[in-house]
Amino acid sequence: MNMKKRAGGVLAAVFAAAALSLLTAVPASADQGDCQYYLHEAGYNVGPKVESACSFGASTEMGAFSGCYVLLVDIGVRKSDAVAACSAAGEA
């Protein structure tokens, strides 16, 4: 009986760990990467603020392009580069 409880506990722990990793996993977005890559190639440092803007631009949120654009321009990205980067983020 004790062995069955232990096996059940181990199985429950493994299931919980697997379920938690699926729930907390952030989906990779090639579009976000395209935005970051564009900015990197244009000579910008890609740090947390650029990553955040590109991530927002790649989202399905209403106003994603505008939000991406404003965030990038606010940190000093030229308007034409922000348009190109946010467009790359929004491409599916």
PDB file of N, CA and C in Angstrom:
ATOM      1  N   MET A   1       0.820  -1.190   0.000  1.00  0.00           N
ATOM      2  CA  MET A   1       0.000   0.000   0.000  1.00  0.00           C
ATOM      3  C   MET A   1       0.865   1.255   0.000  1.00  0.00           C
ATOM      4  N   ASN A   2       1.908   1.288   0.818  1.00  0.00           N
ATOM      5  CA  ASN A   2       2.786   2.431   0.906  1.00  0.00           C
ATOM      6  C   ASN A   2       3.470   2.687  -0.442  1.00  0.00           C
ATOM      7  N   MET A   3       3.810   1.609  -1.159  1.00  0.00           N
ATOM      8  CA  MET A   3       4.452   1.731  -2.468  1.00  0.00           C
ATOM      9  C   MET A   3       3.491   2.357  -3.485  1.00  0.00           C
ATOM     10  N   LYS A   4       2.195   2.024  -3.414  1.00  0.00           N
ATOM     11  CA  LYS A   4       1.210   2.591  -4.332  1.00  0.00           C
ATOM     12  C   LYS A   4       1.042   4.093  -4.071  1.00  0.00           C
ATOM     13  N   LYS A   5       1.034   4.486  -2.796  1.00  0.00           N
ATOM     14  CA  LYS A   5       0.926   5.899  -2.461  1.00  0.00           C
ATOM     15  C   LYS A   5       2.130   6.672  -2.983  1.00  0.00           C
ATOM     16  N   ARG A   6       3.300   6.095  -2.814  1.00  0.00           N
ATOM     17  CA  ARG A   6       4.521   6.753  -3.254  1.00  0.00           C
ATOM     18  C   ARG A   6       4.528   6.884  -4.783  1.00  0.00           C
ATOM     19  N   ALA A   7       4.141   5.840  -5.479  1.00  0.00           N
ATOM     20  CA  ALA A   7       4.101   5.878  -6.948  1.00  0.00           C
ATOM     21  C   ALA A   7       3.064   6.896  -7.415  1.00  0.00           C
ATOM     22  N   GLY A   8       1.930   6.933  -6.731  1.00  0.00           N
ATOM     23  CA  GLY A   8       0.903   7.919  -7.084  1.00  0.00           C
ATOM     24  C   GLY A   8       1.381   9.335  -6.840  1.00  0.00           C
ATOM     25  N   GLY A   9       2.109   9.535  -5.764  1.00  0.00           N
ATOM     26  CA  GLY A   9       2.648  10.859  -5.458  1.00  0.00           C
ATOM     27  C   GLY A   9       3.678  11.301  -6.480  1.00  0.00           C
ATOM     28  N   VAL A  10       4.519  10.384  -6.885  1.00  0.00           N
ATOM     29  CA  VAL A  10       5.529  10.699  -7.900  1.00  0.00           C
ATOM     30  C   VAL A  10       4.848  11.026  -9.222  1.00  0.00           C
ATOM     31  N   LEU A  11       3.869  10.228  -9.589  1.00  0.00           N
ATOM     32  CA  LEU A  11       3.134  10.460 -10.826  1.00  0.00           C
ATOM     33  C   LEU A  11       2.420  11.814 -10.793  1.00  0.00           C
ATOM     34  N   ALA A  12       1.819  12.148  -9.674  1.00  0.00           N
ATOM     35  CA  ALA A  12       1.139  13.436  -9.538  1.00  0.00           C
ATOM     36  C   ALA A  12       2.136  14.593  -9.646  1.00  0.00           C
ATOM     37  N   ALA A  13       3.306  14.439  -9.045  1.00  0.00           N
ATOM     38  CA  ALA A  13       4.323  15.487  -9.101  1.00  0.00           C
ATOM     39  C   ALA A  13       4.838  15.678 -10.526  1.00  0.00           C
ATOM     40  N   VAL A  14       5.040  14.572 -11.237  1.00  0.00           N
ATOM     41  CA  VAL A  14       5.500  14.660 -12.624  1.00  0.00           C
ATOM     42  C   VAL A  14       4.434  15.334 -13.488  1.00  0.00           C
ATOM     43  N   PHE A  15       3.180  14.966 -13.300  1.00  0.00           N
ATOM     44  CA  PHE A  15       2.089  15.566 -14.059  1.00  0.00           C
ATOM     45  C   PHE A  15       1.982  17.054 -13.764  1.00  0.00           C
ATOM     46  N   ALA A  16       2.092  17.422 -12.494  1.00  0.00           N
ATOM     47  CA  ALA A  16       1.994  18.828 -12.107  1.00  0.00           C
ATOM     48  C   ALA A  16       3.141  19.637 -12.710  1.00  0.00           C
ATOM     49  N   ALA A  17       4.336  19.088 -12.705  1.00  0.00           N
ATOM     50  CA  ALA A  17       5.489  19.790 -13.281  1.00  0.00           C
ATOM     51  C   ALA A  17       5.309  19.976 -14.781  1.00  0.00           C
ATOM     52  N   ALA A  18       4.810  18.953 -15.452  1.00  0.00           N
ATOM     53  CA  ALA A  18       4.590  19.052 -16.899  1.00  0.00           C
ATOM     54  C   ALA A  18       3.505  20.075 -17.208  1.00  0.00           C
ATOM     55  N   ALA A  19       2.435  20.057 -16.442  1.00  0.00           N
ATOM     56  CA  ALA A  19       1.340  20.997 -16.668  1.00  0.00           C
ATOM     57  C   ALA A  19       1.804  22.424 -16.396  1.00  0.00           C
ATOM     58  N   LEU A  20       2.587  22.640 -15.364  1.00  0.00           N
ATOM     59  CA  LEU A  20       3.079  23.968 -15.029  1.00  0.00           C
ATOM     60  C   LEU A  20       3.982  24.504 -16.130  1.00  0.00           C
ATOM     61  N   SER A  21       4.840  23.663 -16.680  1.00  0.00           N
ATOM     62  CA  SER A  21       5.735  24.133 -17.734  1.00  0.00           C
ATOM     63  C   SER A  21       4.950  24.497 -18.983  1.00  0.00           C
ATOM     64  N   LEU A  22       3.856  23.801 -19.257  1.00  0.00           N
ATOM     65  CA  LEU A  22       3.025  24.149 -20.412  1.00  0.00           C
ATOM     66  C   LEU A  22       2.275  25.452 -20.190  1.00  0.00           C
ATOM     67  N   LEU A  23       1.841  25.683 -18.973  1.00  0.00           N
ATOM     68  CA  LEU A  23       1.087  26.898 -18.674  1.00  0.00           C
ATOM     69  C   LEU A  23       1.956  28.139 -18.646  1.00  0.00           C
ATOM     70  N   THR A  24       3.204  28.002 -18.234  1.00  0.00           N
ATOM     71  CA  THR A  24       4.072  29.165 -18.102  1.00  0.00           C
ATOM     72  C   THR A  24       4.966  29.386 -19.306  1.00  0.00           C
ATOM     73  N   ALA A  25       4.944  28.499 -20.271  1.00  0.00           N
ATOM     74  CA  ALA A  25       5.793  28.652 -21.445  1.00  0.00           C
ATOM     75  C   ALA A  25       5.329  29.842 -22.272  1.00  0.00           C
ATOM     76  N   VAL A  26       6.284  30.633 -22.721  1.00  0.00           N
ATOM     77  CA  VAL A  26       5.984  31.774 -23.573  1.00  0.00           C
ATOM     78  C   VAL A  26       6.171  31.321 -25.008  1.00  0.00           C
ATOM     79  N   PRO A  27       5.163  31.454 -25.832  1.00  0.00           N
ATOM     80  CA  PRO A  27       5.317  31.010 -27.204  1.00  0.00           C
ATOM     81  C   PRO A  27       6.357  31.839 -27.949  1.00  0.00           C
ATOM     82  N   ALA A  28       7.183  31.171 -28.703  1.00  0.00           N
ATOM     83  CA  ALA A  28       8.187  31.872 -29.490  1.00  0.00           C
ATOM     84  C   ALA A  28       7.497  32.554 -30.661  1.00  0.00           C
ATOM     85  N   SER A  29       7.994  33.710 -30.989  1.00  0.00           N
ATOM     86  CA  SER A  29       7.391  34.451 -32.095  1.00  0.00           C
ATOM     87  C   SER A  29       8.476  34.843 -33.082  1.00  0.00           C
ATOM     88  N   ALA A  30       8.434  34.246 -34.256  1.00  0.00           N
ATOM     89  CA  ALA A  30       9.397  34.608 -35.285  1.00  0.00           C
ATOM     90  C   ALA A  30       9.201  36.061 -35.675  1.00  0.00           C
ATOM     91  N   ASP A  31       7.970  36.558 -35.614  1.00  0.00           N
ATOM     92  CA  ASP A  31       7.693  37.938 -35.973  1.00  0.00           C
ATOM     93  C   ASP A  31       8.378  38.906 -35.008  1.00  0.00           C
ATOM     94  N   GLN A  32       8.351  38.589 -33.737  1.00  0.00           N
ATOM     95  CA  GLN A  32       9.041  39.421 -32.751  1.00  0.00           C
ATOM     96  C   GLN A  32      10.536  39.419 -33.064  1.00  0.00           C
ATOM     97  N   GLY A  33      11.044  38.265 -33.412  1.00  0.00           N
ATOM     98  CA  GLY A  33      12.458  38.153 -33.773  1.00  0.00           C
ATOM     99  C   GLY A  33      12.789  38.943 -35.023  1.00  0.00           C
ATOM    100  N   ASP A  34      11.870  38.971 -35.976  1.00  0.00           N
ATOM    101  CA  ASP A  34      12.092  39.745 -37.202  1.00  0.00           C
ATOM    102  C   ASP A  34      12.200  41.234 -36.877  1.00  0.00           C
ATOM    103  N   CYS A  35      11.364  41.701 -35.985  1.00  0.00           N
ATOM    104  CA  CYS A  35      11.390  43.099 -35.542  1.00  0.00           C
ATOM    105  C   CYS A  35      12.737  43.407 -34.890  1.00  0.00           C
ATOM    106  N   GLN A  36      13.155  42.573 -33.986  1.00  0.00           N
ATOM    107  CA  GLN A  36      14.420  42.776 -33.285  1.00  0.00           C
ATOM    108  C   GLN A  36      15.597  42.697 -34.250  1.00  0.00           C
ATOM    109  N   TYR A  37      15.539  41.750 -35.167  1.00  0.00           N
ATOM    110  CA  TYR A  37      16.625  41.578 -36.134  1.00  0.00           C
ATOM    111  C   TYR A  37      16.741  42.818 -37.026  1.00  0.00           C
ATOM    112  N   TYR A  38      15.601  43.338 -37.469  1.00  0.00           N
ATOM    113  CA  TYR A  38      15.619  44.541 -38.296  1.00  0.00           C
ATOM    114  C   TYR A  38      16.332  45.671 -37.556  1.00  0.00           C
ATOM    115  N   LEU A  39      15.959  45.875 -36.311  1.00  0.00           N
ATOM    116  CA  LEU A  39      16.552  46.966 -35.540  1.00  0.00           C
ATOM    117  C   LEU A  39      18.038  46.729 -35.278  1.00  0.00           C
ATOM    118  N   HIS A  40      18.397  45.490 -35.019  1.00  0.00           N
ATOM    119  CA  HIS A  40      19.807  45.152 -34.818  1.00  0.00           C
ATOM    120  C   HIS A  40      20.608  45.474 -36.082  1.00  0.00           C
ATOM    121  N   GLU A  41      20.088  45.059 -37.227  1.00  0.00           N
ATOM    122  CA  GLU A  41      20.770  45.312 -38.496  1.00  0.00           C
ATOM    123  C   GLU A  41      20.813  46.802 -38.840  1.00  0.00           C
ATOM    124  N   ALA A  42      19.856  47.565 -38.338  1.00  0.00           N
ATOM    125  CA  ALA A  42      19.823  49.009 -38.569  1.00  0.00           C
ATOM    126  C   ALA A  42      20.763  49.754 -37.606  1.00  0.00           C
ATOM    127  N   GLY A  43      21.411  49.017 -36.709  1.00  0.00           N
ATOM    128  CA  GLY A  43      22.414  49.609 -35.831  1.00  0.00           C
ATOM    129  C   GLY A  43      21.965  49.925 -34.420  1.00  0.00           C
ATOM    130  N   TYR A  44      20.776  49.495 -34.060  1.00  0.00           N
ATOM    131  CA  TYR A  44      20.273  49.766 -32.708  1.00  0.00           C
ATOM    132  C   TYR A  44      20.685  48.646 -31.760  1.00  0.00           C
ATOM    133  N   ASN A  45      20.862  49.014 -30.493  1.00  0.00           N
ATOM    134  CA  ASN A  45      21.082  48.006 -29.458  1.00  0.00           C
ATOM    135  C   ASN A  45      19.730  47.388 -29.122  1.00  0.00           C
ATOM    136  N   VAL A  46      19.684  46.077 -29.122  1.00  0.00           N
ATOM    137  CA  VAL A  46      18.427  45.388 -28.799  1.00  0.00           C
ATOM    138  C   VAL A  46      18.490  44.975 -27.335  1.00  0.00           C
ATOM    139  N   GLY A  47      17.752  45.702 -26.530  1.00  0.00           N
ATOM    140  CA  GLY A  47      17.683  45.432 -25.100  1.00  0.00           C
ATOM    141  C   GLY A  47      16.245  45.216 -24.688  1.00  0.00           C
ATOM    142  N   PRO A  48      15.988  45.284 -23.402  1.00  0.00           N
ATOM    143  CA  PRO A  48      14.638  45.005 -22.886  1.00  0.00           C
ATOM    144  C   PRO A  48      13.539  45.900 -23.461  1.00  0.00           C
ATOM    145  N   LYS A  49      13.829  47.171 -23.709  1.00  0.00           N
ATOM    146  CA  LYS A  49      12.796  48.073 -24.228  1.00  0.00           C
ATOM    147  C   LYS A  49      12.440  47.727 -25.674  1.00  0.00           C
ATOM    148  N   VAL A  50      13.438  47.406 -26.477  1.00  0.00           N
ATOM    149  CA  VAL A  50      13.179  46.987 -27.862  1.00  0.00           C
ATOM    150  C   VAL A  50      12.441  45.654 -27.860  1.00  0.00           C
ATOM    151  N   GLU A  51      12.874  44.737 -27.019  1.00  0.00           N
ATOM    152  CA  GLU A  51      12.210  43.432 -26.932  1.00  0.00           C
ATOM    153  C   GLU A  51      10.743  43.593 -26.548  1.00  0.00           C
ATOM    154  N   SER A  52      10.487  44.473 -25.607  1.00  0.00           N
ATOM    155  CA  SER A  52       9.118  44.717 -25.164  1.00  0.00           C
ATOM    156  C   SER A  52       8.272  45.307 -26.290  1.00  0.00           C
ATOM    157  N   ALA A  53       8.816  46.290 -26.989  1.00  0.00           N
ATOM    158  CA  ALA A  53       8.082  46.920 -28.091  1.00  0.00           C
ATOM    159  C   ALA A  53       7.801  45.915 -29.199  1.00  0.00           C
ATOM    160  N   CYS A  54       8.795  45.133 -29.559  1.00  0.00           N
ATOM    161  CA  CYS A  54       8.618  44.141 -30.621  1.00  0.00           C
ATOM    162  C   CYS A  54       7.635  43.055 -30.199  1.00  0.00           C
ATOM    163  N   SER A  55       7.682  42.678 -28.942  1.00  0.00           N
ATOM    164  CA  SER A  55       6.742  41.684 -28.429  1.00  0.00           C
ATOM    165  C   SER A  55       5.318  42.204 -28.518  1.00  0.00           C
ATOM    166  N   PHE A  56       5.132  43.457 -28.139  1.00  0.00           N
ATOM    167  CA  PHE A  56       3.804  44.056 -28.221  1.00  0.00           C
ATOM    168  C   PHE A  56       3.360  44.137 -29.676  1.00  0.00           C
ATOM    169  N   GLY A  57       4.268  44.500 -30.561  1.00  0.00           N
ATOM    170  CA  GLY A  57       3.947  44.591 -31.981  1.00  0.00           C
ATOM    171  C   GLY A  57       3.568  43.255 -32.592  1.00  0.00           C
ATOM    172  N   ALA A  58       4.090  42.180 -32.038  1.00  0.00           N
ATOM    173  CA  ALA A  58       3.793  40.840 -32.548  1.00  0.00           C
ATOM    174  C   ALA A  58       2.532  40.254 -31.920  1.00  0.00           C
ATOM    175  N   SER A  59       1.970  40.945 -30.949  1.00  0.00           N
ATOM    176  CA  SER A  59       0.783  40.424 -30.263  1.00  0.00           C
ATOM    177  C   SER A  59      -0.461  40.601 -31.121  1.00  0.00           C
ATOM    178  N   THR A  60      -1.526  40.014 -30.686  1.00  0.00           N
ATOM    179  CA  THR A  60      -2.802  40.150 -31.382  1.00  0.00           C
ATOM    180  C   THR A  60      -3.671  41.222 -30.737  1.00  0.00           C
ATOM    181  N   GLU A  61      -3.066  41.996 -29.855  1.00  0.00           N
ATOM    182  CA  GLU A  61      -3.790  43.072 -29.173  1.00  0.00           C
ATOM    183  C   GLU A  61      -4.217  44.143 -30.177  1.00  0.00           C
ATOM    184  N   MET A  62      -5.326  44.773 -29.906  1.00  0.00           N
ATOM    185  CA  MET A  62      -5.782  45.896 -30.717  1.00  0.00           C
ATOM    186  C   MET A  62      -4.762  47.021 -30.576  1.00  0.00           C
ATOM    187  N   GLY A  63      -4.344  47.599 -31.663  1.00  0.00           N
ATOM    188  CA  GLY A  63      -3.374  48.688 -31.623  1.00  0.00           C
ATOM    189  C   GLY A  63      -1.946  48.221 -31.436  1.00  0.00           C
ATOM    190  N   ALA A  64      -1.661  46.972 -31.768  1.00  0.00           N
ATOM    191  CA  ALA A  64      -0.322  46.429 -31.565  1.00  0.00           C
ATOM    192  C   ALA A  64       0.728  47.217 -32.350  1.00  0.00           C
ATOM    193  N   PHE A  65       0.428  47.526 -33.610  1.00  0.00           N
ATOM    194  CA  PHE A  65       1.389  48.275 -34.421  1.00  0.00           C
ATOM    195  C   PHE A  65       1.645  49.650 -33.802  1.00  0.00           C
ATOM    196  N   SER A  66       0.584  50.355 -33.456  1.00  0.00           N
ATOM    197  CA  SER A  66       0.720  51.697 -32.892  1.00  0.00           C
ATOM    198  C   SER A  66       1.502  51.682 -31.588  1.00  0.00           C
ATOM    199  N   GLY A  67       1.202  50.710 -30.743  1.00  0.00           N
ATOM    200  CA  GLY A  67       1.918  50.596 -29.472  1.00  0.00           C
ATOM    201  C   GLY A  67       3.390  50.321 -29.679  1.00  0.00           C
ATOM    202  N   CYS A  68       3.688  49.408 -30.595  1.00  0.00           N
ATOM    203  CA  CYS A  68       5.076  49.094 -30.934  1.00  0.00           C
ATOM    204  C   CYS A  68       5.783  50.346 -31.429  1.00  0.00           C
ATOM    205  N   TYR A  69       5.142  51.041 -32.346  1.00  0.00           N
ATOM    206  CA  TYR A  69       5.711  52.246 -32.948  1.00  0.00           C
ATOM    207  C   TYR A  69       6.018  53.309 -31.889  1.00  0.00           C
ATOM    208  N   VAL A  70       5.052  53.598 -31.043  1.00  0.00           N
ATOM    209  CA  VAL A  70       5.234  54.622 -30.011  1.00  0.00           C
ATOM    210  C   VAL A  70       6.353  54.231 -29.052  1.00  0.00           C
ATOM    211  N   LEU A  71       6.378  52.977 -28.640  1.00  0.00           N
ATOM    212  CA  LEU A  71       7.429  52.527 -27.715  1.00  0.00           C
ATOM    213  C   LEU A  71       8.814  52.671 -28.342  1.00  0.00           C
ATOM    214  N   LEU A  72       8.927  52.336 -29.611  1.00  0.00           N
ATOM    215  CA  LEU A  72      10.239  52.436 -30.265  1.00  0.00           C
ATOM    216  C   LEU A  72      10.655  53.891 -30.476  1.00  0.00           C
ATOM    217  N   VAL A  73       9.744  54.725 -30.947  1.00  0.00           N
ATOM    218  CA  VAL A  73      10.075  56.133 -31.172  1.00  0.00           C
ATOM    219  C   VAL A  73      10.440  56.809 -29.851  1.00  0.00           C
ATOM    220  N   ASP A  74       9.763  56.432 -28.768  1.00  0.00           N
ATOM    221  CA  ASP A  74      10.055  57.013 -27.451  1.00  0.00           C
ATOM    222  C   ASP A  74      11.465  56.693 -26.966  1.00  0.00           C
ATOM    223  N   ILE A  75      12.047  55.607 -27.441  1.00  0.00           N
ATOM    224  CA  ILE A  75      13.418  55.277 -27.008  1.00  0.00           C
ATOM    225  C   ILE A  75      14.461  55.701 -28.035  1.00  0.00           C
ATOM    226  N   GLY A  76      14.027  56.479 -29.029  1.00  0.00           N
ATOM    227  CA  GLY A  76      14.992  57.060 -29.949  1.00  0.00           C
ATOM    228  C   GLY A  76      15.148  56.378 -31.294  1.00  0.00           C
ATOM    229  N   VAL A  77      14.289  55.437 -31.607  1.00  0.00           N
ATOM    230  CA  VAL A  77      14.353  54.780 -32.917  1.00  0.00           C
ATOM    231  C   VAL A  77      13.754  55.750 -33.940  1.00  0.00           C
ATOM    232  N   ARG A  78      14.442  55.896 -35.079  1.00  0.00           N
ATOM    233  CA  ARG A  78      13.917  56.757 -36.142  1.00  0.00           C
ATOM    234  C   ARG A  78      12.550  56.249 -36.584  1.00  0.00           C
ATOM    235  N   LYS A  79      11.679  57.180 -36.956  1.00  0.00           N
ATOM    236  CA  LYS A  79      10.308  56.827 -37.317  1.00  0.00           C
ATOM    237  C   LYS A  79      10.246  55.808 -38.447  1.00  0.00           C
ATOM    238  N   SER A  80      11.061  55.976 -39.468  1.00  0.00           N
ATOM    239  CA  SER A  80      11.044  55.035 -40.593  1.00  0.00           C
ATOM    240  C   SER A  80      11.486  53.639 -40.155  1.00  0.00           C
ATOM    241  N   ASP A  81      12.452  53.567 -39.242  1.00  0.00           N
ATOM    242  CA  ASP A  81      12.895  52.263 -38.730  1.00  0.00           C
ATOM    243  C   ASP A  81      11.835  51.640 -37.829  1.00  0.00           C
ATOM    244  N   ALA A  82      11.140  52.476 -37.065  1.00  0.00           N
ATOM    245  CA  ALA A  82      10.073  51.959 -36.201  1.00  0.00           C
ATOM    246  C   ALA A  82       8.947  51.391 -37.043  1.00  0.00           C
ATOM    247  N   VAL A  83       8.592  52.066 -38.134  1.00  0.00           N
ATOM    248  CA  VAL A  83       7.547  51.565 -39.028  1.00  0.00           C
ATOM    249  C   VAL A  83       7.947  50.205 -39.594  1.00  0.00           C
ATOM    250  N   ALA A  84       9.175  50.104 -40.096  1.00  0.00           N
ATOM    251  CA  ALA A  84       9.642  48.856 -40.692  1.00  0.00           C
ATOM    252  C   ALA A  84       9.697  47.729 -39.665  1.00  0.00           C
ATOM    253  N   ALA A  85      10.204  48.028 -38.471  1.00  0.00           N
ATOM    254  CA  ALA A  85      10.334  47.006 -37.439  1.00  0.00           C
ATOM    255  C   ALA A  85       8.972  46.526 -36.958  1.00  0.00           C
ATOM    256  N   CYS A  86       8.070  47.458 -36.719  1.00  0.00           N
ATOM    257  CA  CYS A  86       6.741  47.082 -36.233  1.00  0.00           C
ATOM    258  C   CYS A  86       5.936  46.363 -37.319  1.00  0.00           C
ATOM    259  N   SER A  87       6.170  46.714 -38.571  1.00  0.00           N
ATOM    260  CA  SER A  87       5.553  45.987 -39.670  1.00  0.00           C
ATOM    261  C   SER A  87       6.046  44.557 -39.702  1.00  0.00           C
ATOM    262  N   ALA A  88       7.346  44.373 -39.489  1.00  0.00           N
ATOM    263  CA  ALA A  88       7.910  43.020 -39.452  1.00  0.00           C
ATOM    264  C   ALA A  88       7.334  42.230 -38.292  1.00  0.00           C
ATOM    265  N   ALA A  89       7.100  42.903 -37.165  1.00  0.00           N
ATOM    266  CA  ALA A  89       6.538  42.224 -35.996  1.00  0.00           C
ATOM    267  C   ALA A  89       5.111  41.770 -36.263  1.00  0.00           C
ATOM    268  N   GLY A  90       4.377  42.545 -37.023  1.00  0.00           N
ATOM    269  CA  GLY A  90       2.966  42.244 -37.247  1.00  0.00           C
ATOM    270  C   GLY A  90       2.696  41.264 -38.377  1.00  0.00           C
ATOM    271  N   GLU A  91       3.722  40.912 -39.139  1.00  0.00           N
ATOM    272  CA  GLU A  91       3.518  39.975 -40.243  1.00  0.00           C
ATOM    273  C   GLU A  91       3.322  38.573 -39.718  1.00  0.00           C
ATOM    274  N   ALA A  92       2.351  37.901 -40.272  1.00  0.00           N
ATOM    275  CA  ALA A  92       2.068  36.525 -39.829  1.00  0.00           C
ATOM    276  C   ALA A  92       2.690  35.515 -40.743  1.00  0.00           C
TER     277      ALA A  92
END
